[in-house]
C-alpha atoms as a PDB file:
ATOM      1  CA  MET A   1      -1.086 -12.165 -24.872  1.00  0.00           C
ATOM      2  CA  MET A   2      -3.315  -9.129 -25.278  1.00  0.00           C
ATOM      3  CA  LYS A   3      -3.504  -5.616 -23.901  1.00  0.00           C
ATOM      4  CA  ILE A   4      -6.232  -4.995 -21.332  1.00  0.00           C
ATOM      5  CA  ASP A   5      -7.440  -1.913 -19.474  1.00  0.00           C
ATOM      6  CA  VAL A   6      -7.758  -2.272 -15.719  1.00  0.00           C
ATOM      7  CA  ALA A   7      -9.515   0.061 -13.277  1.00  0.00           C
ATOM      8  CA  ILE A   8      -7.992   0.114  -9.815  1.00  0.00           C
ATOM      9  CA  PRO A   9     -10.276   0.996  -6.886  1.00  0.00           C
ATOM     10  CA  LYS A  10      -9.168   3.958  -4.759  1.00  0.00           C
ATOM     11  CA  THR A  11      -7.278   5.665  -7.577  1.00  0.00           C
ATOM     12  CA  ARG A  12      -8.156   8.899  -9.285  1.00  0.00           C
ATOM     13  CA  PHE A  13      -7.472   7.441 -12.691  1.00  0.00           C
ATOM     14  CA  ASP A  14      -9.859   5.732 -15.051  1.00  0.00           C
ATOM     15  CA  MET A  15      -7.683   2.835 -16.073  1.00  0.00           C
ATOM     16  CA  PHE A  16      -4.226   1.426 -16.590  1.00  0.00           C
ATOM     17  CA  THR A  17      -3.123  -0.762 -19.488  1.00  0.00           C
ATOM     18  CA  TYR A  18      -1.431  -4.136 -18.926  1.00  0.00           C
ATOM     19  CA  ASP A  19      -0.478  -7.236 -20.893  1.00  0.00           C
ATOM     20  CA  ALA A  20      -2.514 -10.294 -19.951  1.00  0.00           C
ATOM     21  CA  PRO A  21      -3.169 -13.859 -21.107  1.00  0.00           C
ATOM     22  CA  ASP A  22      -5.996 -14.375 -23.584  1.00  0.00           C
ATOM     23  CA  GLU A  23      -8.299 -15.987 -20.990  1.00  0.00           C
ATOM     24  CA  VAL A  24      -8.760 -12.703 -19.089  1.00  0.00           C
ATOM     25  CA  GLY A  25     -12.230 -11.192 -19.526  1.00  0.00           C
ATOM     26  CA  ILE A  26     -14.170  -8.067 -18.638  1.00  0.00           C
ATOM     27  CA  GLY A  27     -15.086  -7.997 -14.951  1.00  0.00           C
ATOM     28  CA  ASP A  28     -12.230 -10.260 -13.822  1.00  0.00           C
ATOM     29  CA  LEU A  29     -10.447  -9.387 -10.577  1.00  0.00           C
ATOM     30  CA  VAL A  30      -6.725  -9.256 -11.258  1.00  0.00           C
ATOM     31  CA  LEU A  31      -3.581  -8.425  -9.346  1.00  0.00           C
ATOM     32  CA  VAL A  32      -1.433  -5.818 -11.073  1.00  0.00           C
ATOM     33  CA  PRO A  33       1.836  -4.032 -10.339  1.00  0.00           C
ATOM     34  CA  LEU A  34       1.374  -0.334  -9.627  1.00  0.00           C
ATOM     35  CA  ARG A  35       4.458   1.607  -8.643  1.00  0.00           C
ATOM     36  CA  ASN A  36       6.143  -0.502  -5.953  1.00  0.00           C
ATOM     37  CA  ALA A  37       3.051  -2.417  -4.847  1.00  0.00           C
ATOM     38  CA  GLU A  38       0.575  -5.025  -5.996  1.00  0.00           C
ATOM     39  CA  LYS A  39      -3.011  -3.762  -6.349  1.00  0.00           C
ATOM     40  CA  HIS A  40      -6.384  -5.295  -7.083  1.00  0.00           C
ATOM     41  CA  GLY A  41      -7.936  -4.215 -10.339  1.00  0.00           C
ATOM     42  CA  ILE A  42     -11.029  -4.893 -12.405  1.00  0.00           C
ATOM     43  CA  VAL A  43     -10.656  -5.595 -16.119  1.00  0.00           C
ATOM     44  CA  VAL A  44     -12.841  -3.046 -17.935  1.00  0.00           C
ATOM     45  CA  ARG A  45     -11.678  -3.621 -21.516  1.00  0.00           C
ATOM     46  CA  THR A  46      -9.977  -6.430 -23.396  1.00  0.00           C
ATOM     47  CA  ARG A  47      -8.094  -6.037 -26.668  1.00  0.00           C
ATOM     48  CA  SER A  48      -7.224  -2.459 -25.730  1.00  0.00           C
ATOM     49  CA  THR A  49      -6.069  -0.177 -28.517  1.00  0.00           C
ATOM     50  CA  ARG A  50      -4.455   2.356 -26.182  1.00  0.00           C
ATOM     51  CA  ASP A  51      -0.911   3.181 -27.189  1.00  0.00           C
ATOM     52  CA  VAL A  52       1.050   3.175 -23.933  1.00  0.00           C
ATOM     53  CA  ALA A  53       4.806   2.786 -23.506  1.00  0.00           C
ATOM     54  CA  GLY A  54       6.322   0.382 -20.964  1.00  0.00           C
ATOM     55  CA  ILE A  55       3.330  -1.902 -20.490  1.00  0.00           C
ATOM     56  CA  LYS A  56       3.735  -4.384 -17.627  1.00  0.00           C
ATOM     57  CA  LYS A  57       2.126  -7.801 -17.285  1.00  0.00           C
ATOM     58  CA  ILE A  58      -0.601  -8.533 -14.769  1.00  0.00           C
ATOM     59  CA  THR A  59       0.648 -10.501 -11.783  1.00  0.00           C
ATOM     60  CA  ASP A  60      -2.286 -12.877 -11.351  1.00  0.00           C
ATOM     61  CA  ILE A  61      -5.931 -13.539 -12.161  1.00  0.00           C
ATOM     62  CA  ILE A  62      -7.645 -13.616  -8.761  1.00  0.00           C
ATOM     63  CA  GLU A  63     -11.228 -14.392  -9.804  1.00  0.00           C
ATOM     64  CA  GLN A  64     -12.792 -14.603 -13.219  1.00  0.00           C
ATOM     65  CA  GLY A  65     -16.232 -13.029 -13.586  1.00  0.00           C
ATOM     66  CA  PHE A  66     -15.814 -11.110 -10.316  1.00  0.00           C
ATOM     67  CA  ILE A  67     -18.132  -8.343 -11.579  1.00  0.00           C
ATOM     68  CA  PRO A  68     -20.697  -9.092 -14.316  1.00  0.00           C
ATOM     69  CA  THR A  69     -20.068  -7.235 -17.588  1.00  0.00           C
ATOM     70  CA  PRO A  70     -23.331  -5.218 -17.370  1.00  0.00           C
ATOM     71  CA  LEU A  71     -22.232  -3.868 -13.964  1.00  0.00           C
ATOM     72  CA  VAL A  72     -18.826  -2.883 -15.360  1.00  0.00           C
ATOM     73  CA  GLN A  73     -20.684  -1.006 -18.101  1.00  0.00           C
ATOM     74  CA  LEU A  74     -22.909   0.668 -15.486  1.00  0.00           C
ATOM     75  CA  TYR A  75     -19.896   1.740 -13.393  1.00  0.00           C
ATOM     76  CA  THR A  76     -18.241   3.145 -16.524  1.00  0.00           C
ATOM     77  CA  TRP A  77     -21.408   5.104 -17.342  1.00  0.00           C
ATOM     78  CA  ILE A  78     -21.593   6.441 -13.764  1.00  0.00           C
ATOM     79  CA  ALA A  79     -17.961   7.588 -13.950  1.00  0.00           C
ATOM     80  CA  ASP A  80     -18.588   9.362 -17.260  1.00  0.00           C
ATOM     81  CA  TYR A  81     -21.904  10.911 -16.228  1.00  0.00           C
ATOM     82  CA  TYR A  82     -20.705  12.234 -12.860  1.00  0.00           C
ATOM     83  CA  LEU A  83     -17.211  13.187 -14.082  1.00  0.00           C
ATOM     84  CA  ALA A  84     -15.561  10.829 -11.617  1.00  0.00           C
ATOM     85  CA  SER A  85     -12.735   8.403 -12.187  1.00  0.00           C
ATOM     86  CA  LEU A  86     -13.596   4.767 -12.611  1.00  0.00           C
ATOM     87  CA  GLY A  87     -11.295   4.015  -9.664  1.00  0.00           C
ATOM     88  CA  GLU A  88     -13.400   6.254  -7.408  1.00  0.00           C
ATOM     89  CA  VAL A  89     -16.638   4.653  -8.594  1.00  0.00           C
ATOM     90  CA  LEU A  90     -15.248   1.175  -7.920  1.00  0.00           C
ATOM     91  CA  ARG A  91     -14.116   2.235  -4.437  1.00  0.00           C
ATOM     92  CA  LEU A  92     -17.750   3.038  -3.648  1.00  0.00           C
ATOM     93  CA  ALA A  93     -19.206   0.043  -5.490  1.00  0.00           C
ATOM     94  CA  ILE A  94     -17.011  -2.729  -4.108  1.00  0.00           C
ATOM     95  CA  PRO A  95     -17.031  -3.181  -0.326  1.00  0.00           C
ATOM     96  CA  GLU A  96     -13.568  -3.095   1.271  1.00  0.00           C
ATOM     97  CA  LYS A  97     -14.235  -6.432   2.993  1.00  0.00           C
ATOM     98  CA  ILE A  98     -14.624  -8.156  -0.370  1.00  0.00           C
ATOM     99  CA  LEU A  99     -11.225  -6.991  -1.595  1.00  0.00           C
ATOM    100  CA  LYS A 100      -9.580  -7.835   1.734  1.00  0.00           C
ATOM    101  CA  LYS A 101     -10.833 -11.396   1.288  1.00  0.00           C
ATOM    102  CA  HIS A 102      -8.671 -11.524  -1.834  1.00  0.00           C
ATOM    103  CA  LYS A 103      -5.575 -10.098  -0.148  1.00  0.00           C
ATOM    104  CA  PRO A 104      -2.469 -10.137  -2.368  1.00  0.00           C
ATOM    105  CA  PRO A 105       0.047 -12.811  -1.389  1.00  0.00           C
ATOM    106  CA  LEU A 106       3.284 -11.867   0.328  1.00  0.00           C
ATOM    107  CA  ARG A 107       6.216 -11.556  -2.043  1.00  0.00           C
ATOM    108  CA  PRO A 108       8.862 -14.044  -0.870  1.00  0.00           C
ATOM    109  CA  ASP A 109      11.260 -12.866  -3.586  1.00  0.00           C
ATOM    110  CA  LYS A 110      11.817  -9.575  -1.758  1.00  0.00           C
ATOM    111  CA  PRO A 111      13.797 -10.326   1.414  1.00  0.00           C
ATOM    112  CA  VAL A 112      13.167  -8.249   4.499  1.00  0.00           C
ATOM    113  CA  THR A 113      16.315  -6.541   5.644  1.00  0.00           C
ATOM    114  CA  VAL A 114      16.890  -5.630   9.244  1.00  0.00           C
ATOM    115  CA  ARG A 115      19.563  -3.092   9.932  1.00  0.00           C
ATOM    116  CA  GLU A 116      21.811  -3.141  12.938  1.00  0.00           C
ATOM    117  CA  PRO A 117      21.268  -0.250  15.369  1.00  0.00           C
ATOM    118  CA  LEU A 118      23.793   2.541  15.074  1.00  0.00           C
ATOM    119  CA  THR A 119      26.079   3.449  17.948  1.00  0.00           C
ATOM    120  CA  PRO A 120      24.382   6.412  19.616  1.00  0.00           C
ATOM    121  CA  THR A 121      26.137   9.689  20.238  1.00  0.00           C
ATOM    122  CA  PRO A 122      26.466  10.773  23.881  1.00  0.00           C
ATOM    123  CA  ALA A 123      23.366  12.992  23.569  1.00  0.00           C
ATOM    124  CA  GLN A 124      21.374  10.163  21.994  1.00  0.00           C
ATOM    125  CA  ALA A 125      22.563   7.681  24.619  1.00  0.00           C
ATOM    126  CA  ALA A 126      21.427  10.036  27.401  1.00  0.00           C
ATOM    127  CA  ALA A 127      17.977  10.420  25.807  1.00  0.00           C
ATOM    128  CA  ILE A 128      17.654   6.658  25.300  1.00  0.00           C
ATOM    129  CA  GLN A 129      18.629   6.016  28.914  1.00  0.00           C
ATOM    130  CA  ASP A 130      16.064   8.547  30.222  1.00  0.00           C
ATOM    131  CA  ILE A 131      13.306   6.947  28.160  1.00  0.00           C
ATOM    132  CA  ARG A 132      14.325   3.410  29.195  1.00  0.00           C
ATOM    133  CA  THR A 133      14.244   4.448  32.874  1.00  0.00           C
ATOM    134  CA  ALA A 134      10.701   5.780  32.520  1.00  0.00           C
ATOM    135  CA  LEU A 135       9.625   2.626  30.704  1.00  0.00           C
ATOM    136  CA  LYS A 136      11.090   0.328  33.357  1.00  0.00           C
ATOM    137  CA  GLN A 137       9.183   2.262  36.031  1.00  0.00           C
ATOM    138  CA  ARG A 138       6.022   1.820  33.906  1.00  0.00           C
ATOM    139  CA  MET A 139       5.219   5.490  34.220  1.00  0.00           C
ATOM    140  CA  TYR A 140       4.011   7.994  31.684  1.00  0.00           C
ATOM    141  CA  LYS A 141       6.439  10.761  30.932  1.00  0.00           C
ATOM    142  CA  ALA A 142       6.642  13.045  27.915  1.00  0.00           C
ATOM    143  CA  PHE A 143       9.973  13.542  26.186  1.00  0.00           C
ATOM    144  CA  LEU A 144      10.862  16.214  23.658  1.00  0.00           C
ATOM    145  CA  LEU A 145      13.712  15.407  21.345  1.00  0.00           C
ATOM    146  CA  TYR A 146      14.893  18.603  19.757  1.00  0.00           C
ATOM    147  CA  GLY A 147      17.370  18.831  16.934  1.00  0.00           C
ATOM    148  CA  ILE A 148      17.857  19.770  13.335  1.00  0.00           C
ATOM    149  CA  THR A 149      17.087  17.387  10.501  1.00  0.00           C
ATOM    150  CA  GLY A 150      19.646  14.594  10.476  1.00  0.00           C
ATOM    151  CA  SER A 151      20.682  15.033  14.104  1.00  0.00           C
ATOM    152  CA  GLY A 152      19.636  11.488  15.074  1.00  0.00           C
ATOM    153  CA  LYS A 153      16.216  11.852  16.697  1.00  0.00           C
ATOM    154  CA  THR A 154      14.807   8.959  14.661  1.00  0.00           C
ATOM    155  CA  GLU A 155      17.564   6.653  15.890  1.00  0.00           C
ATOM    156  CA  VAL A 156      16.494   7.355  19.489  1.00  0.00           C
ATOM    157  CA  TYR A 157      12.891   6.465  18.578  1.00  0.00           C
ATOM    158  CA  LEU A 158      13.976   3.293  16.785  1.00  0.00           C
ATOM    159  CA  GLN A 159      16.162   2.015  19.616  1.00  0.00           C
ATOM    160  CA  CYS A 160      13.484   2.672  22.250  1.00  0.00           C
ATOM    161  CA  THR A 161      10.851   1.046  20.047  1.00  0.00           C
ATOM    162  CA  ASP A 162      13.127  -1.954  19.555  1.00  0.00           C
ATOM    163  CA  ASP A 163      13.513  -2.321  23.345  1.00  0.00           C
ATOM    164  CA  ILE A 164       9.758  -2.346  23.871  1.00  0.00           C
ATOM    165  CA  LEU A 165       9.103  -4.848  21.082  1.00  0.00           C
ATOM    166  CA  ASN A 166      11.849  -7.169  22.344  1.00  0.00           C
ATOM    167  CA  ARG A 167      10.115  -7.259  25.749  1.00  0.00           C
ATOM    168  CA  GLY A 168       6.813  -8.240  24.090  1.00  0.00           C
ATOM    169  CA  GLY A 169       5.253  -4.794  24.273  1.00  0.00           C
ATOM    170  CA  ARG A 170       3.415  -2.836  21.608  1.00  0.00           C
ATOM    171  CA  VAL A 171       4.342   0.495  20.100  1.00  0.00           C
ATOM    172  CA  LEU A 172       2.414   3.136  18.189  1.00  0.00           C
ATOM    173  CA  VAL A 173       4.623   5.564  16.307  1.00  0.00           C
ATOM    174  CA  LEU A 174       2.952   8.719  15.010  1.00  0.00           C
ATOM    175  CA  VAL A 175       4.843  10.486  12.248  1.00  0.00           C
ATOM    176  CA  PRO A 176       3.905  13.966  11.069  1.00  0.00           C
ATOM    177  CA  GLU A 177       3.032  14.387   7.435  1.00  0.00           C
ATOM    178  CA  ILE A 178       5.024  17.195   5.916  1.00  0.00           C
ATOM    179  CA  TRP A 179       3.467  19.085   3.009  1.00  0.00           C
END
């Protein structure tokens, strides 16, 4: 095993350090754990001397020689010259379609849990019934669910969404981003 530095496209960081088998080389496309997800990364340095605590192992070697070493050196120079992160340079250099072709595998070791719907309060039940009536009539109608945080608005959305999906319909849920 050796320490390697990996640049991850679409990040604002230059590189992350991981443990990897000795056969990993510069320019290899690897799958690495980053927070709670698996991300594609490009090996930019082998035999890293960076002193980092809590180093994780790479998950998989996707393709050896994915990017030729001279191109990795060019991308590193571009990042240094233009004061950009190597992750940002790789995002521009590697087409999204190429990385999608090497989509990370699904993790069967993490079971999907489905929760049972909660019993709605009388106010929630009334809102759910109004929305179901409009849906059965196949008519557009706007609904405003008003309540403080934790009052159960999301449960109304989830139960109505579940009804639509169970009937073979499609749902688009837009959630506001709170800053």
